[in-house]
Amino acid sequence: MRRKQLDDLVILALATLVVLADQWTKSWVRSTLPVGVPWNPVPWLRPILSITHVTNEGAAFGMLPQLKPVFPFISLAVCALMFYFYRPLAHGRPWITISLGLQLGGTLGNLIDRLTQQGRVTDFLDLNFWPLQDWPVFNIADSSVVVSVCILAAVLLLEKDLLQENPPAQPT
């Protein structure tokens, strides 16, 4: 299998895993937990994490809920732009490939919610520890996007440092 095909397979496999995990957990939360009531299945985790069913009509952290009808189109545009600009950078670069798979899966996971849940996204991961006890409730798709952005930032920073230490040879 050629490297480009392998990279594409990794991107699609990661995105699929994220979407499946995200949608399964959201479905379980919607069918099991009442909205707004924290659930702590493991008592010793309560100071760190609760499962709290909330719905979000806005963008990240519930911002701009008045733009709810536009968010599915923004998600589709993000997916298209990722593939157009970002995918060519991924080939032969495993961490960027992983980042793209995670970002695509997270974007699609929340897009599925917006299209099937009257424009709402189901969130349920509720951090309880300082300094994050007031952090908005989130889901697996959100986590996947955040992790992908952190990976991408780390790769770009490391590559920048490597280029500064070892500049490309100038043609003579």
N, C-alpha and C. Protein backbone atom coordinates (compact mmCIF):
# COMPACT_ATOMS: atom_id res chain seq x y z
N MET A 1 0.85 -1.18 0.00
CA MET A 1 0.00 0.00 0.00
C MET A 1 0.90 1.24 0.00
N ARG A 2 0.59 2.17 -0.86
CA ARG A 2 1.37 3.40 -0.93
C ARG A 2 1.14 4.24 0.31
N ARG A 3 2.14 5.09 0.62
CA ARG A 3 2.09 5.91 1.83
C ARG A 3 0.86 6.82 1.85
N LYS A 4 0.54 7.42 0.70
CA LYS A 4 -0.61 8.33 0.64
C LYS A 4 -1.90 7.58 0.96
N GLN A 5 -2.04 6.37 0.42
CA GLN A 5 -3.24 5.57 0.70
C GLN A 5 -3.30 5.17 2.17
N LEU A 6 -2.14 4.83 2.74
CA LEU A 6 -2.10 4.46 4.16
C LEU A 6 -2.50 5.65 5.03
N ASP A 7 -1.98 6.83 4.70
CA ASP A 7 -2.34 8.04 5.46
C ASP A 7 -3.84 8.30 5.37
N ASP A 8 -4.42 8.17 4.18
CA ASP A 8 -5.86 8.37 4.01
C ASP A 8 -6.65 7.34 4.82
N LEU A 9 -6.17 6.11 4.84
CA LEU A 9 -6.84 5.06 5.61
C LEU A 9 -6.79 5.37 7.11
N VAL A 10 -5.65 5.86 7.59
CA VAL A 10 -5.52 6.23 9.01
C VAL A 10 -6.47 7.38 9.34
N ILE A 11 -6.53 8.39 8.48
CA ILE A 11 -7.43 9.53 8.70
C ILE A 11 -8.87 9.05 8.80
N LEU A 12 -9.29 8.23 7.84
CA LEU A 12 -10.68 7.75 7.84
C LEU A 12 -10.97 6.82 9.01
N ALA A 13 -10.01 5.97 9.37
CA ALA A 13 -10.22 5.05 10.50
C ALA A 13 -10.36 5.83 11.80
N LEU A 14 -9.47 6.80 12.03
CA LEU A 14 -9.56 7.61 13.25
C LEU A 14 -10.86 8.40 13.30
N ALA A 15 -11.21 9.02 12.18
CA ALA A 15 -12.45 9.80 12.14
C ALA A 15 -13.65 8.89 12.43
N THR A 16 -13.65 7.70 11.87
CA THR A 16 -14.75 6.76 12.10
C THR A 16 -14.83 6.34 13.56
N LEU A 17 -13.68 6.03 14.17
CA LEU A 17 -13.66 5.66 15.59
C LEU A 17 -14.19 6.78 16.47
N VAL A 18 -13.77 8.01 16.18
CA VAL A 18 -14.23 9.15 16.97
C VAL A 18 -15.74 9.32 16.82
N VAL A 19 -16.24 9.26 15.59
CA VAL A 19 -17.68 9.43 15.36
C VAL A 19 -18.47 8.33 16.07
N LEU A 20 -18.02 7.09 15.96
CA LEU A 20 -18.73 5.99 16.61
C LEU A 20 -18.74 6.15 18.13
N ALA A 21 -17.59 6.44 18.72
CA ALA A 21 -17.52 6.63 20.18
C ALA A 21 -18.37 7.82 20.61
N ASP A 22 -18.29 8.90 19.86
CA ASP A 22 -19.04 10.12 20.18
C ASP A 22 -20.54 9.86 20.10
N GLN A 23 -20.99 9.28 19.01
CA GLN A 23 -22.43 9.07 18.83
C GLN A 23 -22.98 8.02 19.79
N TRP A 24 -22.20 6.97 20.07
CA TRP A 24 -22.67 5.96 21.02
C TRP A 24 -22.83 6.57 22.42
N THR A 25 -21.83 7.34 22.86
CA THR A 25 -21.92 7.92 24.20
C THR A 25 -23.05 8.94 24.28
N LYS A 26 -23.22 9.75 23.25
CA LYS A 26 -24.30 10.74 23.26
C LYS A 26 -25.67 10.05 23.26
N SER A 27 -25.80 8.99 22.49
CA SER A 27 -27.06 8.25 22.46
C SER A 27 -27.37 7.67 23.84
N TRP A 28 -26.35 7.11 24.48
CA TRP A 28 -26.54 6.56 25.82
C TRP A 28 -26.96 7.66 26.80
N VAL A 29 -26.29 8.80 26.74
CA VAL A 29 -26.62 9.91 27.65
C VAL A 29 -28.05 10.37 27.41
N ARG A 30 -28.45 10.57 26.15
CA ARG A 30 -29.81 11.04 25.85
C ARG A 30 -30.87 10.06 26.32
N SER A 31 -30.59 8.76 26.21
CA SER A 31 -31.61 7.76 26.56
C SER A 31 -31.60 7.40 28.04
N THR A 32 -30.57 7.80 28.78
CA THR A 32 -30.43 7.34 30.16
C THR A 32 -30.54 8.44 31.20
N LEU A 33 -29.98 9.61 30.91
CA LEU A 33 -29.86 10.64 31.94
C LEU A 33 -30.81 11.81 31.69
N PRO A 34 -31.46 12.30 32.74
CA PRO A 34 -32.26 13.52 32.58
C PRO A 34 -31.33 14.72 32.37
N VAL A 35 -31.83 15.71 31.67
CA VAL A 35 -31.04 16.91 31.40
C VAL A 35 -30.75 17.65 32.70
N GLY A 36 -29.48 18.03 32.88
CA GLY A 36 -29.09 18.89 33.98
C GLY A 36 -28.77 18.22 35.30
N VAL A 37 -28.96 16.92 35.41
CA VAL A 37 -28.71 16.24 36.68
C VAL A 37 -27.37 15.51 36.61
N PRO A 38 -26.40 15.88 37.47
CA PRO A 38 -25.11 15.19 37.45
C PRO A 38 -25.25 13.73 37.90
N TRP A 39 -24.46 12.87 37.27
CA TRP A 39 -24.42 11.46 37.62
C TRP A 39 -22.97 11.10 37.92
N ASN A 40 -22.75 10.45 39.03
CA ASN A 40 -21.40 10.09 39.45
C ASN A 40 -21.33 8.59 39.71
N PRO A 41 -21.09 7.79 38.67
CA PRO A 41 -21.09 6.34 38.83
C PRO A 41 -19.92 5.83 39.67
N VAL A 42 -18.84 6.58 39.71
CA VAL A 42 -17.67 6.21 40.49
C VAL A 42 -17.46 7.31 41.53
N PRO A 43 -17.85 7.05 42.78
CA PRO A 43 -17.83 8.11 43.80
C PRO A 43 -16.49 8.83 43.95
N TRP A 44 -15.38 8.12 43.85
CA TRP A 44 -14.09 8.77 44.05
C TRP A 44 -13.72 9.69 42.88
N LEU A 45 -14.41 9.57 41.74
CA LEU A 45 -14.17 10.48 40.61
C LEU A 45 -14.97 11.78 40.71
N ARG A 46 -15.94 11.82 41.63
CA ARG A 46 -16.82 12.99 41.72
C ARG A 46 -16.07 14.32 41.85
N PRO A 47 -14.99 14.40 42.63
CA PRO A 47 -14.28 15.69 42.70
C PRO A 47 -13.60 16.08 41.39
N ILE A 48 -13.49 15.14 40.46
CA ILE A 48 -12.79 15.40 39.20
C ILE A 48 -13.76 15.52 38.03
N LEU A 49 -14.68 14.56 37.92
CA LEU A 49 -15.53 14.45 36.73
C LEU A 49 -16.91 13.93 37.08
N SER A 50 -17.92 14.57 36.51
CA SER A 50 -19.30 14.08 36.58
C SER A 50 -19.81 13.91 35.16
N ILE A 51 -20.84 13.11 35.03
CA ILE A 51 -21.55 12.98 33.76
C ILE A 51 -22.83 13.80 33.92
N THR A 52 -22.95 14.88 33.16
CA THR A 52 -24.10 15.76 33.26
C THR A 52 -24.67 15.99 31.86
N HIS A 53 -25.90 15.56 31.62
CA HIS A 53 -26.53 15.70 30.31
C HIS A 53 -26.98 17.15 30.11
N VAL A 54 -26.38 17.81 29.13
CA VAL A 54 -26.81 19.15 28.74
C VAL A 54 -26.90 19.20 27.21
N THR A 55 -27.66 20.16 26.71
CA THR A 55 -27.71 20.37 25.27
C THR A 55 -27.16 21.76 24.97
N ASN A 56 -26.55 21.87 23.82
CA ASN A 56 -25.86 23.09 23.44
C ASN A 56 -26.34 23.49 22.04
N GLU A 57 -26.92 24.66 21.93
CA GLU A 57 -27.37 25.15 20.63
C GLU A 57 -26.37 26.10 19.99
N GLY A 58 -25.32 26.44 20.71
CA GLY A 58 -24.34 27.38 20.20
C GLY A 58 -23.13 26.68 19.61
N ALA A 59 -22.12 27.48 19.36
CA ALA A 59 -20.85 26.94 18.88
C ALA A 59 -20.06 26.48 20.11
N ALA A 60 -18.77 26.52 20.04
CA ALA A 60 -17.93 26.11 21.17
C ALA A 60 -18.35 26.87 22.42
N PHE A 61 -18.50 26.13 23.51
CA PHE A 61 -18.86 26.69 24.82
C PHE A 61 -20.22 27.40 24.80
N GLY A 62 -21.09 27.04 23.85
CA GLY A 62 -22.43 27.60 23.79
C GLY A 62 -22.51 29.00 23.22
N MET A 63 -21.43 29.49 22.63
CA MET A 63 -21.44 30.86 22.09
C MET A 63 -22.32 30.95 20.84
N LEU A 64 -22.90 32.10 20.63
CA LEU A 64 -23.65 32.45 19.43
C LEU A 64 -24.80 31.50 19.11
N PRO A 65 -25.67 31.19 20.07
CA PRO A 65 -26.78 30.27 19.78
C PRO A 65 -27.74 30.80 18.72
N GLN A 66 -27.77 32.11 18.52
CA GLN A 66 -28.66 32.68 17.51
C GLN A 66 -28.24 32.28 16.09
N LEU A 67 -27.02 31.77 15.92
CA LEU A 67 -26.56 31.34 14.61
C LEU A 67 -26.75 29.84 14.38
N LYS A 68 -27.57 29.20 15.20
CA LYS A 68 -27.78 27.75 15.13
C LYS A 68 -28.04 27.24 13.72
N PRO A 69 -28.86 27.90 12.90
CA PRO A 69 -29.11 27.37 11.55
C PRO A 69 -27.88 27.35 10.65
N VAL A 70 -26.88 28.16 10.97
CA VAL A 70 -25.69 28.28 10.12
C VAL A 70 -24.63 27.23 10.47
N PHE A 71 -24.65 26.70 11.69
CA PHE A 71 -23.58 25.82 12.16
C PHE A 71 -23.37 24.57 11.31
N PRO A 72 -24.42 23.90 10.81
CA PRO A 72 -24.14 22.74 9.95
C PRO A 72 -23.35 23.11 8.69
N PHE A 73 -23.63 24.27 8.13
CA PHE A 73 -22.90 24.71 6.94
C PHE A 73 -21.45 25.04 7.28
N ILE A 74 -21.24 25.63 8.45
CA ILE A 74 -19.87 25.92 8.89
C ILE A 74 -19.10 24.61 9.07
N SER A 75 -19.74 23.60 9.67
CA SER A 75 -19.09 22.30 9.86
C SER A 75 -18.71 21.67 8.53
N LEU A 76 -19.62 21.72 7.57
CA LEU A 76 -19.32 21.18 6.24
C LEU A 76 -18.18 21.94 5.58
N ALA A 77 -18.17 23.26 5.73
CA ALA A 77 -17.09 24.06 5.16
C ALA A 77 -15.76 23.72 5.81
N VAL A 78 -15.76 23.53 7.13
CA VAL A 78 -14.53 23.17 7.84
C VAL A 78 -14.00 21.84 7.32
N CYS A 79 -14.87 20.85 7.14
CA CYS A 79 -14.44 19.56 6.61
C CYS A 79 -13.83 19.71 5.21
N ALA A 80 -14.49 20.47 4.37
CA ALA A 80 -13.99 20.67 3.01
C ALA A 80 -12.64 21.39 3.02
N LEU A 81 -12.53 22.44 3.83
CA LEU A 81 -11.27 23.18 3.89
C LEU A 81 -10.14 22.33 4.47
N MET A 82 -10.47 21.50 5.46
CA MET A 82 -9.45 20.61 6.02
C MET A 82 -8.89 19.71 4.94
N PHE A 83 -9.77 19.13 4.14
CA PHE A 83 -9.29 18.22 3.11
C PHE A 83 -8.55 18.96 2.01
N TYR A 84 -8.98 20.14 1.68
CA TYR A 84 -8.33 20.87 0.60
C TYR A 84 -6.94 21.38 0.99
N PHE A 85 -6.83 22.00 2.17
CA PHE A 85 -5.58 22.63 2.57
C PHE A 85 -4.70 21.73 3.44
N TYR A 86 -5.31 20.98 4.33
CA TYR A 86 -4.61 20.31 5.40
C TYR A 86 -4.17 18.90 4.99
N ARG A 87 -5.00 18.20 4.23
CA ARG A 87 -4.70 16.82 3.85
C ARG A 87 -3.38 16.68 3.12
N PRO A 88 -3.04 17.55 2.16
CA PRO A 88 -1.74 17.39 1.50
C PRO A 88 -0.56 17.50 2.47
N LEU A 89 -0.72 18.23 3.57
CA LEU A 89 0.35 18.34 4.56
C LEU A 89 0.53 17.05 5.36
N ALA A 90 -0.50 16.22 5.41
CA ALA A 90 -0.49 15.05 6.28
C ALA A 90 0.36 13.91 5.74
N HIS A 91 0.46 13.77 4.45
CA HIS A 91 1.10 12.59 3.87
C HIS A 91 2.57 12.51 4.26
N GLY A 92 2.90 11.37 4.87
CA GLY A 92 4.26 11.14 5.32
C GLY A 92 4.57 11.79 6.66
N ARG A 93 3.58 12.40 7.28
CA ARG A 93 3.77 13.05 8.58
C ARG A 93 2.73 12.48 9.54
N PRO A 94 3.10 11.44 10.29
CA PRO A 94 2.12 10.70 11.08
C PRO A 94 1.33 11.55 12.07
N TRP A 95 1.96 12.50 12.73
CA TRP A 95 1.23 13.29 13.73
C TRP A 95 0.20 14.21 13.09
N ILE A 96 0.50 14.72 11.92
CA ILE A 96 -0.48 15.56 11.23
C ILE A 96 -1.62 14.68 10.70
N THR A 97 -1.28 13.46 10.26
CA THR A 97 -2.31 12.52 9.83
C THR A 97 -3.26 12.21 10.99
N ILE A 98 -2.71 11.94 12.16
CA ILE A 98 -3.52 11.66 13.35
C ILE A 98 -4.37 12.88 13.70
N SER A 99 -3.76 14.05 13.67
CA SER A 99 -4.48 15.28 13.98
C SER A 99 -5.67 15.48 13.04
N LEU A 100 -5.46 15.25 11.77
CA LEU A 100 -6.54 15.42 10.79
C LEU A 100 -7.67 14.41 11.04
N GLY A 101 -7.32 13.17 11.34
CA GLY A 101 -8.35 12.17 11.62
C GLY A 101 -9.19 12.54 12.84
N LEU A 102 -8.52 13.02 13.90
CA LEU A 102 -9.23 13.43 15.11
C LEU A 102 -10.12 14.64 14.84
N GLN A 103 -9.59 15.60 14.10
CA GLN A 103 -10.36 16.82 13.82
C GLN A 103 -11.57 16.51 12.95
N LEU A 104 -11.38 15.69 11.95
CA LEU A 104 -12.49 15.32 11.07
C LEU A 104 -13.56 14.55 11.85
N GLY A 105 -13.15 13.60 12.68
CA GLY A 105 -14.11 12.84 13.48
C GLY A 105 -14.89 13.72 14.43
N GLY A 106 -14.21 14.64 15.10
CA GLY A 106 -14.89 15.54 16.03
C GLY A 106 -15.87 16.46 15.33
N THR A 107 -15.46 17.00 14.20
CA THR A 107 -16.34 17.89 13.45
C THR A 107 -17.58 17.14 12.96
N LEU A 108 -17.38 15.94 12.44
CA LEU A 108 -18.52 15.15 11.95
C LEU A 108 -19.42 14.69 13.10
N GLY A 109 -18.84 14.36 14.25
CA GLY A 109 -19.65 13.94 15.39
C GLY A 109 -20.64 15.01 15.81
N ASN A 110 -20.17 16.24 15.92
CA ASN A 110 -21.08 17.33 16.31
C ASN A 110 -22.02 17.72 15.16
N LEU A 111 -21.57 17.57 13.93
CA LEU A 111 -22.44 17.84 12.78
C LEU A 111 -23.63 16.87 12.78
N ILE A 112 -23.37 15.61 13.05
CA ILE A 112 -24.45 14.62 13.10
C ILE A 112 -25.49 15.03 14.14
N ASP A 113 -25.03 15.48 15.31
CA ASP A 113 -25.98 15.96 16.33
C ASP A 113 -26.81 17.11 15.80
N ARG A 114 -26.16 18.09 15.20
CA ARG A 114 -26.89 19.28 14.72
C ARG A 114 -27.95 18.90 13.69
N LEU A 115 -27.65 17.89 12.87
CA LEU A 115 -28.59 17.48 11.83
C LEU A 115 -29.69 16.56 12.35
N THR A 116 -29.46 15.86 13.45
CA THR A 116 -30.44 14.88 13.93
C THR A 116 -31.10 15.26 15.25
N GLN A 117 -30.63 16.30 15.92
CA GLN A 117 -31.15 16.67 17.24
C GLN A 117 -31.66 18.11 17.26
N GLN A 118 -32.35 18.51 16.20
CA GLN A 118 -32.94 19.85 16.10
C GLN A 118 -31.91 20.96 16.33
N GLY A 119 -30.71 20.78 15.81
CA GLY A 119 -29.68 21.81 15.91
C GLY A 119 -28.93 21.83 17.22
N ARG A 120 -29.21 20.88 18.09
CA ARG A 120 -28.55 20.84 19.40
C ARG A 120 -27.45 19.78 19.41
N VAL A 121 -26.41 20.05 20.19
CA VAL A 121 -25.34 19.08 20.41
C VAL A 121 -25.47 18.59 21.85
N THR A 122 -25.36 17.29 22.04
CA THR A 122 -25.41 16.70 23.38
C THR A 122 -24.02 16.74 24.00
N ASP A 123 -23.92 17.32 25.18
CA ASP A 123 -22.67 17.37 25.94
C ASP A 123 -22.89 16.64 27.26
N PHE A 124 -21.81 16.11 27.85
CA PHE A 124 -22.00 15.35 29.09
C PHE A 124 -20.76 15.25 29.98
N LEU A 125 -19.58 15.58 29.51
CA LEU A 125 -18.38 15.50 30.34
C LEU A 125 -18.23 16.80 31.12
N ASP A 126 -18.33 16.70 32.43
CA ASP A 126 -18.39 17.88 33.31
C ASP A 126 -17.22 17.83 34.30
N LEU A 127 -16.24 18.69 34.09
CA LEU A 127 -15.06 18.73 34.96
C LEU A 127 -15.39 19.49 36.24
N ASN A 128 -14.96 18.94 37.37
CA ASN A 128 -15.30 19.51 38.67
C ASN A 128 -14.11 20.05 39.45
N PHE A 129 -12.91 19.96 38.93
CA PHE A 129 -11.73 20.33 39.72
C PHE A 129 -11.23 21.72 39.34
N TRP A 130 -10.62 22.37 40.31
CA TRP A 130 -10.06 23.69 40.08
C TRP A 130 -8.84 23.53 39.19
N PRO A 131 -8.65 24.36 38.23
CA PRO A 131 -9.36 25.60 37.89
C PRO A 131 -10.46 25.39 36.85
N LEU A 132 -10.83 24.15 36.60
CA LEU A 132 -11.78 23.87 35.51
C LEU A 132 -13.20 23.58 35.97
N GLN A 133 -13.52 23.85 37.23
CA GLN A 133 -14.86 23.51 37.70
C GLN A 133 -15.95 24.33 37.00
N ASP A 134 -15.62 25.46 36.44
CA ASP A 134 -16.61 26.27 35.72
C ASP A 134 -16.48 26.10 34.20
N TRP A 135 -15.68 25.14 33.77
CA TRP A 135 -15.50 24.87 32.35
C TRP A 135 -16.81 24.36 31.77
N PRO A 136 -17.17 24.75 30.56
CA PRO A 136 -18.42 24.24 29.97
C PRO A 136 -18.39 22.71 29.81
N VAL A 137 -19.54 22.11 29.91
CA VAL A 137 -19.68 20.67 29.70
C VAL A 137 -19.39 20.39 28.22
N PHE A 138 -18.74 19.26 27.94
CA PHE A 138 -18.33 18.97 26.56
C PHE A 138 -18.55 17.49 26.26
N ASN A 139 -18.11 17.05 25.08
CA ASN A 139 -18.33 15.66 24.66
C ASN A 139 -17.07 15.10 24.01
N ILE A 140 -17.14 13.88 23.52
CA ILE A 140 -15.98 13.23 22.91
C ILE A 140 -15.57 13.95 21.63
N ALA A 141 -16.52 14.41 20.83
CA ALA A 141 -16.19 15.13 19.60
C ALA A 141 -15.41 16.41 19.92
N ASP A 142 -15.87 17.15 20.92
CA ASP A 142 -15.16 18.37 21.33
C ASP A 142 -13.73 18.03 21.77
N SER A 143 -13.60 16.98 22.57
CA SER A 143 -12.28 16.57 23.05
C SER A 143 -11.37 16.21 21.89
N SER A 144 -11.92 15.52 20.91
CA SER A 144 -11.14 15.11 19.75
C SER A 144 -10.61 16.31 18.98
N VAL A 145 -11.45 17.32 18.81
CA VAL A 145 -11.02 18.53 18.10
C VAL A 145 -9.93 19.25 18.90
N VAL A 146 -10.10 19.37 20.21
CA VAL A 146 -9.10 20.05 21.04
C VAL A 146 -7.77 19.31 20.99
N VAL A 147 -7.80 17.99 21.12
CA VAL A 147 -6.56 17.20 21.07
C VAL A 147 -5.90 17.36 19.71
N SER A 148 -6.69 17.37 18.64
CA SER A 148 -6.11 17.51 17.29
C SER A 148 -5.43 18.86 17.12
N VAL A 149 -6.04 19.91 17.64
CA VAL A 149 -5.43 21.24 17.54
C VAL A 149 -4.14 21.30 18.36
N CYS A 150 -4.13 20.67 19.53
CA CYS A 150 -2.90 20.64 20.35
C CYS A 150 -1.79 19.88 19.63
N ILE A 151 -2.13 18.75 19.01
CA ILE A 151 -1.13 17.99 18.25
C ILE A 151 -0.59 18.84 17.11
N LEU A 152 -1.47 19.47 16.37
CA LEU A 152 -1.05 20.29 15.24
C LEU A 152 -0.15 21.44 15.71
N ALA A 153 -0.53 22.11 16.78
CA ALA A 153 0.29 23.21 17.31
C ALA A 153 1.66 22.71 17.73
N ALA A 154 1.71 21.57 18.41
CA ALA A 154 3.00 21.02 18.85
C ALA A 154 3.88 20.67 17.65
N VAL A 155 3.29 20.04 16.64
CA VAL A 155 4.06 19.67 15.45
C VAL A 155 4.60 20.92 14.76
N LEU A 156 3.76 21.92 14.59
CA LEU A 156 4.21 23.14 13.91
C LEU A 156 5.29 23.86 14.70
N LEU A 157 5.15 23.91 16.02
CA LEU A 157 6.18 24.54 16.85
C LEU A 157 7.49 23.77 16.79
N LEU A 158 7.43 22.45 16.87
CA LEU A 158 8.65 21.64 16.80
C LEU A 158 9.31 21.75 15.44
N GLU A 159 8.51 21.74 14.38
CA GLU A 159 9.08 21.87 13.04
C GLU A 159 9.72 23.24 12.85
N LYS A 160 9.10 24.27 13.41
CA LYS A 160 9.68 25.61 13.32
C LYS A 160 11.04 25.64 14.02
N ASP A 161 11.11 25.04 15.21
CA ASP A 161 12.39 24.98 15.93
C ASP A 161 13.43 24.20 15.15
N LEU A 162 13.03 23.08 14.55
CA LEU A 162 13.97 22.28 13.77
C LEU A 162 14.47 23.05 12.55
N LEU A 163 13.58 23.80 11.90
CA LEU A 163 14.00 24.59 10.74
C LEU A 163 14.97 25.70 11.14
N GLN A 164 14.75 26.29 12.33
CA GLN A 164 15.66 27.34 12.79
C GLN A 164 17.04 26.75 13.12
N GLU A 165 17.06 25.53 13.68
CA GLU A 165 18.33 24.89 14.02
C GLU A 165 19.05 24.37 12.79
N ASN A 166 18.29 23.89 11.81
CA ASN A 166 18.86 23.29 10.60
C ASN A 166 18.19 23.90 9.37
N PRO A 167 18.56 25.13 9.01
CA PRO A 167 17.91 25.75 7.85
C PRO A 167 18.18 24.95 6.58
N PRO A 168 17.22 24.97 5.64
CA PRO A 168 17.44 24.25 4.39
C PRO A 168 18.64 24.83 3.64
N ALA A 169 19.33 23.96 2.94
CA ALA A 169 20.51 24.39 2.19
C ALA A 169 20.09 25.30 1.05
N GLN A 170 20.85 26.36 0.84
CA GLN A 170 20.57 27.29 -0.25
C GLN A 170 21.27 26.79 -1.52
N PRO A 171 20.58 26.81 -2.65
CA PRO A 171 21.22 26.38 -3.91
C PRO A 171 22.35 27.33 -4.28
N THR A 172 23.40 26.76 -4.81
CA THR A 172 24.55 27.60 -5.21
C THR A 172 24.70 27.67 -6.69
